[in-house]
Amino acid sequence: MALMITEECINCDVCEPECPNQAISMGDTIYVIDPNKCTECVGHFDEPQCVQVCPVECIPVNPDRIESKDQLMSKYLNLQQLARQPT
């Protein structure tokens, strides 16, 4: 499951630096989460860090990106492998 940020986002800037996968960035009007990078912090933490710090609770599971814990771990491992490759 990838997470998503809803329109209730107040652009408080607390979620972006908490994301260990750098999946959160500023969109046109609110922050957005790249579903290809979001592992819900699987591989890093027990709970999604952005959800933990969000003061308005605007970060639910993206219903279009339902993934199992095993799929999220696989995505995490792939992201780690890509990060280690020389550029």
PDB file of N, CA and C in Angstrom:
ATOM      1  N   MET A   1       0.841  -1.170   0.000  1.00  0.00           N
ATOM      2  CA  MET A   1       0.000   0.000   0.000  1.00  0.00           C
ATOM      3  C   MET A   1       0.885   1.231   0.000  1.00  0.00           C
ATOM      4  N   ALA A   2       0.686   2.073  -0.885  1.00  0.00           N
ATOM      5  CA  ALA A   2       1.339   3.372  -0.830  1.00  0.00           C
ATOM      6  C   ALA A   2       0.378   4.324  -0.133  1.00  0.00           C
ATOM      7  N   LEU A   3       0.941   5.298   0.486  1.00  0.00           N
ATOM      8  CA  LEU A   3       0.116   6.313   1.133  1.00  0.00           C
ATOM      9  C   LEU A   3      -0.139   7.455   0.159  1.00  0.00           C
ATOM     10  N   MET A   4      -1.067   8.322   0.513  1.00  0.00           N
ATOM     11  CA  MET A   4      -1.357   9.501  -0.291  1.00  0.00           C
ATOM     12  C   MET A   4      -1.669  10.657   0.643  1.00  0.00           C
ATOM     13  N   ILE A   5      -1.513  11.856   0.150  1.00  0.00           N
ATOM     14  CA  ILE A   5      -1.829  13.046   0.930  1.00  0.00           C
ATOM     15  C   ILE A   5      -3.089  13.662   0.343  1.00  0.00           C
ATOM     16  N   THR A   6      -4.061  13.905   1.192  1.00  0.00           N
ATOM     17  CA  THR A   6      -5.337  14.447   0.728  1.00  0.00           C
ATOM     18  C   THR A   6      -5.317  15.979   0.721  1.00  0.00           C
ATOM     19  N   GLU A   7      -6.378  16.545   0.202  1.00  0.00           N
ATOM     20  CA  GLU A   7      -6.477  17.997   0.088  1.00  0.00           C
ATOM     21  C   GLU A   7      -6.591  18.712   1.426  1.00  0.00           C
ATOM     22  N   GLU A   8      -6.745  17.964   2.499  1.00  0.00           N
ATOM     23  CA  GLU A   8      -6.757  18.576   3.827  1.00  0.00           C
ATOM     24  C   GLU A   8      -5.358  19.041   4.251  1.00  0.00           C
ATOM     25  N   CYS A   9      -4.338  18.690   3.481  1.00  0.00           N
ATOM     26  CA  CYS A   9      -2.947  19.070   3.775  1.00  0.00           C
ATOM     27  C   CYS A   9      -2.846  20.584   3.960  1.00  0.00           C
ATOM     28  N   ILE A  10      -2.146  20.985   5.026  1.00  0.00           N
ATOM     29  CA  ILE A  10      -1.973  22.413   5.320  1.00  0.00           C
ATOM     30  C   ILE A  10      -0.554  22.898   4.992  1.00  0.00           C
ATOM     31  N   ASN A  11       0.213  22.062   4.274  1.00  0.00           N
ATOM     32  CA  ASN A  11       1.580  22.424   3.873  1.00  0.00           C
ATOM     33  C   ASN A  11       2.443  22.839   5.061  1.00  0.00           C
ATOM     34  N   CYS A  12       2.358  22.065   6.128  1.00  0.00           N
ATOM     35  CA  CYS A  12       3.109  22.400   7.343  1.00  0.00           C
ATOM     36  C   CYS A  12       4.575  22.001   7.243  1.00  0.00           C
ATOM     37  N   ASP A  13       4.940  21.246   6.233  1.00  0.00           N
ATOM     38  CA  ASP A  13       6.328  20.864   5.952  1.00  0.00           C
ATOM     39  C   ASP A  13       6.915  19.834   6.902  1.00  0.00           C
ATOM     40  N   VAL A  14       6.141  19.188   7.743  1.00  0.00           N
ATOM     41  CA  VAL A  14       6.734  18.229   8.681  1.00  0.00           C
ATOM     42  C   VAL A  14       6.903  16.827   8.096  1.00  0.00           C
ATOM     43  N   CYS A  15       6.126  16.464   7.111  1.00  0.00           N
ATOM     44  CA  CYS A  15       6.191  15.102   6.577  1.00  0.00           C
ATOM     45  C   CYS A  15       7.393  14.864   5.668  1.00  0.00           C
ATOM     46  N   GLU A  16       7.711  15.817   4.826  1.00  0.00           N
ATOM     47  CA  GLU A  16       8.761  15.618   3.816  1.00  0.00           C
ATOM     48  C   GLU A  16      10.092  15.160   4.409  1.00  0.00           C
ATOM     49  N   PRO A  17      10.629  15.825   5.425  1.00  0.00           N
ATOM     50  CA  PRO A  17      11.928  15.381   5.944  1.00  0.00           C
ATOM     51  C   PRO A  17      11.871  14.056   6.711  1.00  0.00           C
ATOM     52  N   GLU A  18      10.684  13.608   7.081  1.00  0.00           N
ATOM     53  CA  GLU A  18      10.551  12.354   7.818  1.00  0.00           C
ATOM     54  C   GLU A  18      10.575  11.123   6.926  1.00  0.00           C
ATOM     55  N   CYS A  19      10.390  11.293   5.629  1.00  0.00           N
ATOM     56  CA  CYS A  19      10.288  10.156   4.713  1.00  0.00           C
ATOM     57  C   CYS A  19      11.676   9.590   4.404  1.00  0.00           C
ATOM     58  N   PRO A  20      11.945   8.343   4.817  1.00  0.00           N
ATOM     59  CA  PRO A  20      13.261   7.760   4.570  1.00  0.00           C
ATOM     60  C   PRO A  20      13.511   7.401   3.106  1.00  0.00           C
ATOM     61  N   ASN A  21      12.457   7.347   2.307  1.00  0.00           N
ATOM     62  CA  ASN A  21      12.598   7.002   0.888  1.00  0.00           C
ATOM     63  C   ASN A  21      12.546   8.221  -0.028  1.00  0.00           C
ATOM     64  N   GLN A  22      12.437   9.389   0.551  1.00  0.00           N
ATOM     65  CA  GLN A  22      12.314  10.631  -0.218  1.00  0.00           C
ATOM     66  C   GLN A  22      11.157  10.552  -1.217  1.00  0.00           C
ATOM     67  N   ALA A  23      10.052   9.981  -0.751  1.00  0.00           N
ATOM     68  CA  ALA A  23       8.865   9.820  -1.593  1.00  0.00           C
ATOM     69  C   ALA A  23       7.940  11.030  -1.539  1.00  0.00           C
ATOM     70  N   ILE A  24       8.166  11.944  -0.597  1.00  0.00           N
ATOM     71  CA  ILE A  24       7.277  13.092  -0.425  1.00  0.00           C
ATOM     72  C   ILE A  24       7.939  14.344  -0.986  1.00  0.00           C
ATOM     73  N   SER A  25       7.160  15.069  -1.781  1.00  0.00           N
ATOM     74  CA  SER A  25       7.655  16.330  -2.341  1.00  0.00           C
ATOM     75  C   SER A  25       6.489  17.304  -2.477  1.00  0.00           C
ATOM     76  N   MET A  26       6.831  18.553  -2.683  1.00  0.00           N
ATOM     77  CA  MET A  26       5.797  19.569  -2.863  1.00  0.00           C
ATOM     78  C   MET A  26       5.196  19.430  -4.250  1.00  0.00           C
ATOM     79  N   GLY A  27       3.869  19.340  -4.309  1.00  0.00           N
ATOM     80  CA  GLY A  27       3.163  19.291  -5.580  1.00  0.00           C
ATOM     81  C   GLY A  27       2.772  20.692  -5.998  1.00  0.00           C
ATOM     82  N   ASP A  28       1.773  20.806  -6.851  1.00  0.00           N
ATOM     83  CA  ASP A  28       1.314  22.119  -7.318  1.00  0.00           C
ATOM     84  C   ASP A  28       0.755  22.962  -6.176  1.00  0.00           C
ATOM     85  N   THR A  29      -0.045  22.323  -5.304  1.00  0.00           N
ATOM     86  CA  THR A  29      -0.657  23.083  -4.201  1.00  0.00           C
ATOM     87  C   THR A  29      -0.444  22.457  -2.835  1.00  0.00           C
ATOM     88  N   ILE A  30      -0.246  21.143  -2.797  1.00  0.00           N
ATOM     89  CA  ILE A  30      -0.012  20.433  -1.534  1.00  0.00           C
ATOM     90  C   ILE A  30       1.112  19.425  -1.747  1.00  0.00           C
ATOM     91  N   TYR A  31       1.571  18.844  -0.649  1.00  0.00           N
ATOM     92  CA  TYR A  31       2.574  17.789  -0.753  1.00  0.00           C
ATOM     93  C   TYR A  31       1.965  16.557  -1.401  1.00  0.00           C
ATOM     94  N   VAL A  32       2.805  15.792  -2.086  1.00  0.00           N
ATOM     95  CA  VAL A  32       2.375  14.567  -2.763  1.00  0.00           C
ATOM     96  C   VAL A  32       3.346  13.444  -2.401  1.00  0.00           C
ATOM     97  N   ILE A  33       2.873  12.218  -2.532  1.00  0.00           N
ATOM     98  CA  ILE A  33       3.696  11.042  -2.272  1.00  0.00           C
ATOM     99  C   ILE A  33       3.839  10.252  -3.560  1.00  0.00           C
ATOM    100  N   ASP A  34       5.084   9.955  -3.935  1.00  0.00           N
ATOM    101  CA  ASP A  34       5.364   9.127  -5.098  1.00  0.00           C
ATOM    102  C   ASP A  34       5.086   7.673  -4.705  1.00  0.00           C
ATOM    103  N   PRO A  35       4.047   7.055  -5.271  1.00  0.00           N
ATOM    104  CA  PRO A  35       3.699   5.691  -4.866  1.00  0.00           C
ATOM    105  C   PRO A  35       4.766   4.664  -5.230  1.00  0.00           C
ATOM    106  N   ASN A  36       5.634   5.000  -6.168  1.00  0.00           N
ATOM    107  CA  ASN A  36       6.706   4.088  -6.549  1.00  0.00           C
ATOM    108  C   ASN A  36       7.845   4.083  -5.537  1.00  0.00           C
ATOM    109  N   LYS A  37       7.887   5.090  -4.669  1.00  0.00           N
ATOM    110  CA  LYS A  37       8.916   5.163  -3.636  1.00  0.00           C
ATOM    111  C   LYS A  37       8.374   4.908  -2.237  1.00  0.00           C
ATOM    112  N   CYS A  38       7.072   4.981  -2.061  1.00  0.00           N
ATOM    113  CA  CYS A  38       6.475   4.828  -0.730  1.00  0.00           C
ATOM    114  C   CYS A  38       6.391   3.352  -0.354  1.00  0.00           C
ATOM    115  N   THR A  39       7.021   3.012   0.768  1.00  0.00           N
ATOM    116  CA  THR A  39       6.936   1.653   1.312  1.00  0.00           C
ATOM    117  C   THR A  39       6.214   1.647   2.652  1.00  0.00           C
ATOM    118  N   GLU A  40       5.542   2.738   2.982  1.00  0.00           N
ATOM    119  CA  GLU A  40       4.912   2.917   4.293  1.00  0.00           C
ATOM    120  C   GLU A  40       5.941   2.707   5.397  1.00  0.00           C
ATOM    121  N   CYS A  41       7.176   3.040   5.092  1.00  0.00           N
ATOM    122  CA  CYS A  41       8.321   2.925   6.005  1.00  0.00           C
ATOM    123  C   CYS A  41       8.715   1.485   6.305  1.00  0.00           C
ATOM    124  N   VAL A  42       8.123   0.500   5.604  1.00  0.00           N
ATOM    125  CA  VAL A  42       8.557  -0.892   5.754  1.00  0.00           C
ATOM    126  C   VAL A  42      10.041  -0.933   5.389  1.00  0.00           C
ATOM    127  N   GLY A  43      10.821  -1.595   6.220  1.00  0.00           N
ATOM    128  CA  GLY A  43      12.259  -1.657   6.035  1.00  0.00           C
ATOM    129  C   GLY A  43      13.003  -0.610   6.833  1.00  0.00           C
ATOM    130  N   HIS A  44      12.288   0.413   7.269  1.00  0.00           N
ATOM    131  CA  HIS A  44      12.888   1.490   8.053  1.00  0.00           C
ATOM    132  C   HIS A  44      12.312   1.574   9.458  1.00  0.00           C
ATOM    133  N   PHE A  45      10.987   1.624   9.552  1.00  0.00           N
ATOM    134  CA  PHE A  45      10.291   1.839  10.822  1.00  0.00           C
ATOM    135  C   PHE A  45       9.077   0.927  10.914  1.00  0.00           C
ATOM    136  N   ASP A  46       8.535   0.797  12.117  1.00  0.00           N
ATOM    137  CA  ASP A  46       7.336  -0.017  12.321  1.00  0.00           C
ATOM    138  C   ASP A  46       6.065   0.687  11.857  1.00  0.00           C
ATOM    139  N   GLU A  47       6.089   2.008  11.835  1.00  0.00           N
ATOM    140  CA  GLU A  47       4.930   2.804  11.444  1.00  0.00           C
ATOM    141  C   GLU A  47       5.353   3.863  10.429  1.00  0.00           C
ATOM    142  N   PRO A  48       4.459   4.245   9.522  1.00  0.00           N
ATOM    143  CA  PRO A  48       4.792   5.323   8.585  1.00  0.00           C
ATOM    144  C   PRO A  48       5.080   6.618   9.341  1.00  0.00           C
ATOM    145  N   GLN A  49       6.243   7.167   9.131  1.00  0.00           N
ATOM    146  CA  GLN A  49       6.664   8.349   9.865  1.00  0.00           C
ATOM    147  C   GLN A  49       5.851   9.587   9.496  1.00  0.00           C
ATOM    148  N   CYS A  50       5.457   9.715   8.239  1.00  0.00           N
ATOM    149  CA  CYS A  50       4.663  10.882   7.835  1.00  0.00           C
ATOM    150  C   CYS A  50       3.324  10.901   8.548  1.00  0.00           C
ATOM    151  N   VAL A  51       2.722   9.730   8.702  1.00  0.00           N
ATOM    152  CA  VAL A  51       1.438   9.631   9.402  1.00  0.00           C
ATOM    153  C   VAL A  51       1.617  10.023  10.868  1.00  0.00           C
ATOM    154  N   GLN A  52       2.729   9.610  11.445  1.00  0.00           N
ATOM    155  CA  GLN A  52       2.994   9.905  12.854  1.00  0.00           C
ATOM    156  C   GLN A  52       3.095  11.406  13.123  1.00  0.00           C
ATOM    157  N   VAL A  53       3.676  12.164  12.197  1.00  0.00           N
ATOM    158  CA  VAL A  53       3.909  13.592  12.444  1.00  0.00           C
ATOM    159  C   VAL A  53       2.831  14.506  11.878  1.00  0.00           C
ATOM    160  N   CYS A  54       1.956  14.006  11.036  1.00  0.00           N
ATOM    161  CA  CYS A  54       0.944  14.849  10.393  1.00  0.00           C
ATOM    162  C   CYS A  54      -0.054  15.401  11.419  1.00  0.00           C
ATOM    163  N   PRO A  55      -0.143  16.722  11.549  1.00  0.00           N
ATOM    164  CA  PRO A  55      -1.050  17.298  12.543  1.00  0.00           C
ATOM    165  C   PRO A  55      -2.524  17.288  12.132  1.00  0.00           C
ATOM    166  N   VAL A  56      -2.818  17.061  10.852  1.00  0.00           N
ATOM    167  CA  VAL A  56      -4.213  17.095  10.401  1.00  0.00           C
ATOM    168  C   VAL A  56      -4.714  15.741   9.910  1.00  0.00           C
ATOM    169  N   GLU A  57      -3.892  14.706  10.080  1.00  0.00           N
ATOM    170  CA  GLU A  57      -4.288  13.345   9.716  1.00  0.00           C
ATOM    171  C   GLU A  57      -4.814  13.254   8.286  1.00  0.00           C
ATOM    172  N   CYS A  58      -4.008  13.731   7.343  1.00  0.00           N
ATOM    173  CA  CYS A  58      -4.437  13.748   5.941  1.00  0.00           C
ATOM    174  C   CYS A  58      -3.642  12.768   5.074  1.00  0.00           C
ATOM    175  N   ILE A  59      -3.098  11.700   5.700  1.00  0.00           N
ATOM    176  CA  ILE A  59      -2.271  10.760   4.943  1.00  0.00           C
ATOM    177  C   ILE A  59      -2.821   9.340   5.097  1.00  0.00           C
ATOM    178  N   PRO A  60      -3.844   9.000   4.313  1.00  0.00           N
ATOM    179  CA  PRO A  60      -4.395   7.645   4.346  1.00  0.00           C
ATOM    180  C   PRO A  60      -3.694   6.734   3.330  1.00  0.00           C
ATOM    181  N   VAL A  61      -4.088   5.474   3.353  1.00  0.00           N
ATOM    182  CA  VAL A  61      -3.641   4.519   2.342  1.00  0.00           C
ATOM    183  C   VAL A  61      -4.271   4.899   1.010  1.00  0.00           C
ATOM    184  N   ASN A  62      -3.484   4.836  -0.044  1.00  0.00           N
ATOM    185  CA  ASN A  62      -3.989   5.111  -1.391  1.00  0.00           C
ATOM    186  C   ASN A  62      -4.759   3.877  -1.862  1.00  0.00           C
ATOM    187  N   PRO A  63      -6.069   3.983  -2.061  1.00  0.00           N
ATOM    188  CA  PRO A  63      -6.861   2.810  -2.454  1.00  0.00           C
ATOM    189  C   PRO A  63      -6.485   2.262  -3.827  1.00  0.00           C
ATOM    190  N   ASP A  64      -5.798   3.053  -4.627  1.00  0.00           N
ATOM    191  CA  ASP A  64      -5.366   2.597  -5.950  1.00  0.00           C
ATOM    192  C   ASP A  64      -4.031   1.866  -5.910  1.00  0.00           C
ATOM    193  N   ARG A  65      -3.383   1.828  -4.750  1.00  0.00           N
ATOM    194  CA  ARG A  65      -2.055   1.213  -4.625  1.00  0.00           C
ATOM    195  C   ARG A  65      -1.990   0.265  -3.428  1.00  0.00           C
ATOM    196  N   ILE A  66      -2.875  -0.712  -3.387  1.00  0.00           N
ATOM    197  CA  ILE A  66      -2.892  -1.675  -2.291  1.00  0.00           C
ATOM    198  C   ILE A  66      -1.761  -2.677  -2.502  1.00  0.00           C
ATOM    199  N   GLU A  67      -0.869  -2.781  -1.492  1.00  0.00           N
ATOM    200  CA  GLU A  67       0.260  -3.703  -1.554  1.00  0.00           C
ATOM    201  C   GLU A  67       0.386  -4.411  -0.204  1.00  0.00           C
ATOM    202  N   SER A  68       0.817  -5.667  -0.240  1.00  0.00           N
ATOM    203  CA  SER A  68       1.029  -6.425   0.989  1.00  0.00           C
ATOM    204  C   SER A  68       2.351  -5.999   1.630  1.00  0.00           C
ATOM    205  N   LYS A  69       2.557  -6.413   2.878  1.00  0.00           N
ATOM    206  CA  LYS A  69       3.830  -6.124   3.562  1.00  0.00           C
ATOM    207  C   LYS A  69       4.996  -6.733   2.780  1.00  0.00           C
ATOM    208  N   ASP A  70       4.804  -7.925   2.201  1.00  0.00           N
ATOM    209  CA  ASP A  70       5.858  -8.551   1.407  1.00  0.00           C
ATOM    210  C   ASP A  70       6.174  -7.725   0.159  1.00  0.00           C
ATOM    211  N   GLN A  71       5.149  -7.195  -0.497  1.00  0.00           N
ATOM    212  CA  GLN A  71       5.361  -6.349  -1.667  1.00  0.00           C
ATOM    213  C   GLN A  71       6.077  -5.058  -1.279  1.00  0.00           C
ATOM    214  N   LEU A  72       5.709  -4.486  -0.135  1.00  0.00           N
ATOM    215  CA  LEU A  72       6.362  -3.266   0.338  1.00  0.00           C
ATOM    216  C   LEU A  72       7.823  -3.541   0.675  1.00  0.00           C
ATOM    217  N   MET A  73       8.113  -4.692   1.275  1.00  0.00           N
ATOM    218  CA  MET A  73       9.503  -5.042   1.582  1.00  0.00           C
ATOM    219  C   MET A  73      10.300  -5.247   0.297  1.00  0.00           C
ATOM    220  N   SER A  74       9.706  -5.854  -0.692  1.00  0.00           N
ATOM    221  CA  SER A  74      10.369  -6.036  -1.981  1.00  0.00           C
ATOM    222  C   SER A  74      10.673  -4.682  -2.624  1.00  0.00           C
ATOM    223  N   LYS A  75       9.716  -3.765  -2.550  1.00  0.00           N
ATOM    224  CA  LYS A  75       9.923  -2.418  -3.088  1.00  0.00           C
ATOM    225  C   LYS A  75      11.060  -1.720  -2.335  1.00  0.00           C
ATOM    226  N   TYR A  76      11.065  -1.857  -1.001  1.00  0.00           N
ATOM    227  CA  TYR A  76      12.137  -1.286  -0.177  1.00  0.00           C
ATOM    228  C   TYR A  76      13.498  -1.829  -0.615  1.00  0.00           C
ATOM    229  N   LEU A  77      13.605  -3.151  -0.776  1.00  0.00           N
ATOM    230  CA  LEU A  77      14.878  -3.761  -1.168  1.00  0.00           C
ATOM    231  C   LEU A  77      15.316  -3.279  -2.549  1.00  0.00           C
ATOM    232  N   ASN A  78      14.377  -3.138  -3.470  1.00  0.00           N
ATOM    233  CA  ASN A  78      14.700  -2.617  -4.806  1.00  0.00           C
ATOM    234  C   ASN A  78      15.182  -1.175  -4.739  1.00  0.00           C
ATOM    235  N   LEU A  79      14.539  -0.359  -3.912  1.00  0.00           N
ATOM    236  CA  LEU A  79      14.961   1.033  -3.763  1.00  0.00           C
ATOM    237  C   LEU A  79      16.359   1.111  -3.162  1.00  0.00           C
ATOM    238  N   GLN A  80      16.642   0.235  -2.203  1.00  0.00           N
ATOM    239  CA  GLN A  80      17.979   0.226  -1.589  1.00  0.00           C
ATOM    240  C   GLN A  80      19.039  -0.176  -2.602  1.00  0.00           C
ATOM    241  N   GLN A  81      18.723  -1.151  -3.432  1.00  0.00           N
ATOM    242  CA  GLN A  81      19.658  -1.584  -4.469  1.00  0.00           C
ATOM    243  C   GLN A  81      19.911  -0.467  -5.468  1.00  0.00           C
ATOM    244  N   LEU A  82      18.875   0.246  -5.871  1.00  0.00           N
ATOM    245  CA  LEU A  82      19.040   1.367  -6.791  1.00  0.00           C
ATOM    246  C   LEU A  82      19.885   2.483  -6.178  1.00  0.00           C
ATOM    247  N   ALA A  83      19.714   2.704  -4.897  1.00  0.00           N
ATOM    248  CA  ALA A  83      20.469   3.764  -4.212  1.00  0.00           C
ATOM    249  C   ALA A  83      21.949   3.442  -4.151  1.00  0.00           C
ATOM    250  N   ARG A  84      22.294   2.169  -4.154  1.00  0.00           N
ATOM    251  CA  ARG A  84      23.700   1.760  -4.082  1.00  0.00           C
ATOM    252  C   ARG A  84      24.401   1.740  -5.425  1.00  0.00           C
ATOM    253  N   GLN A  85      23.648   1.786  -6.509  1.00  0.00           N
ATOM    254  CA  GLN A  85      24.259   1.736  -7.835  1.00  0.00           C
ATOM    255  C   GLN A  85      24.969   3.041  -8.152  1.00  0.00           C
ATOM    256  N   PRO A  86      26.167   2.936  -8.738  1.00  0.00           N
ATOM    257  CA  PRO A  86      26.872   4.181  -9.113  1.00  0.00           C
ATOM    258  C   PRO A  86      26.117   4.905 -10.227  1.00  0.00           C
ATOM    259  N   THR A  87      26.221   6.213 -10.181  1.00  0.00           N
ATOM    260  CA  THR A  87      25.528   7.020 -11.203  1.00  0.00           C
ATOM    261  C   THR A  87      26.456   7.436 -12.302  1.00  0.00           C
TER     262      THR A  87
END
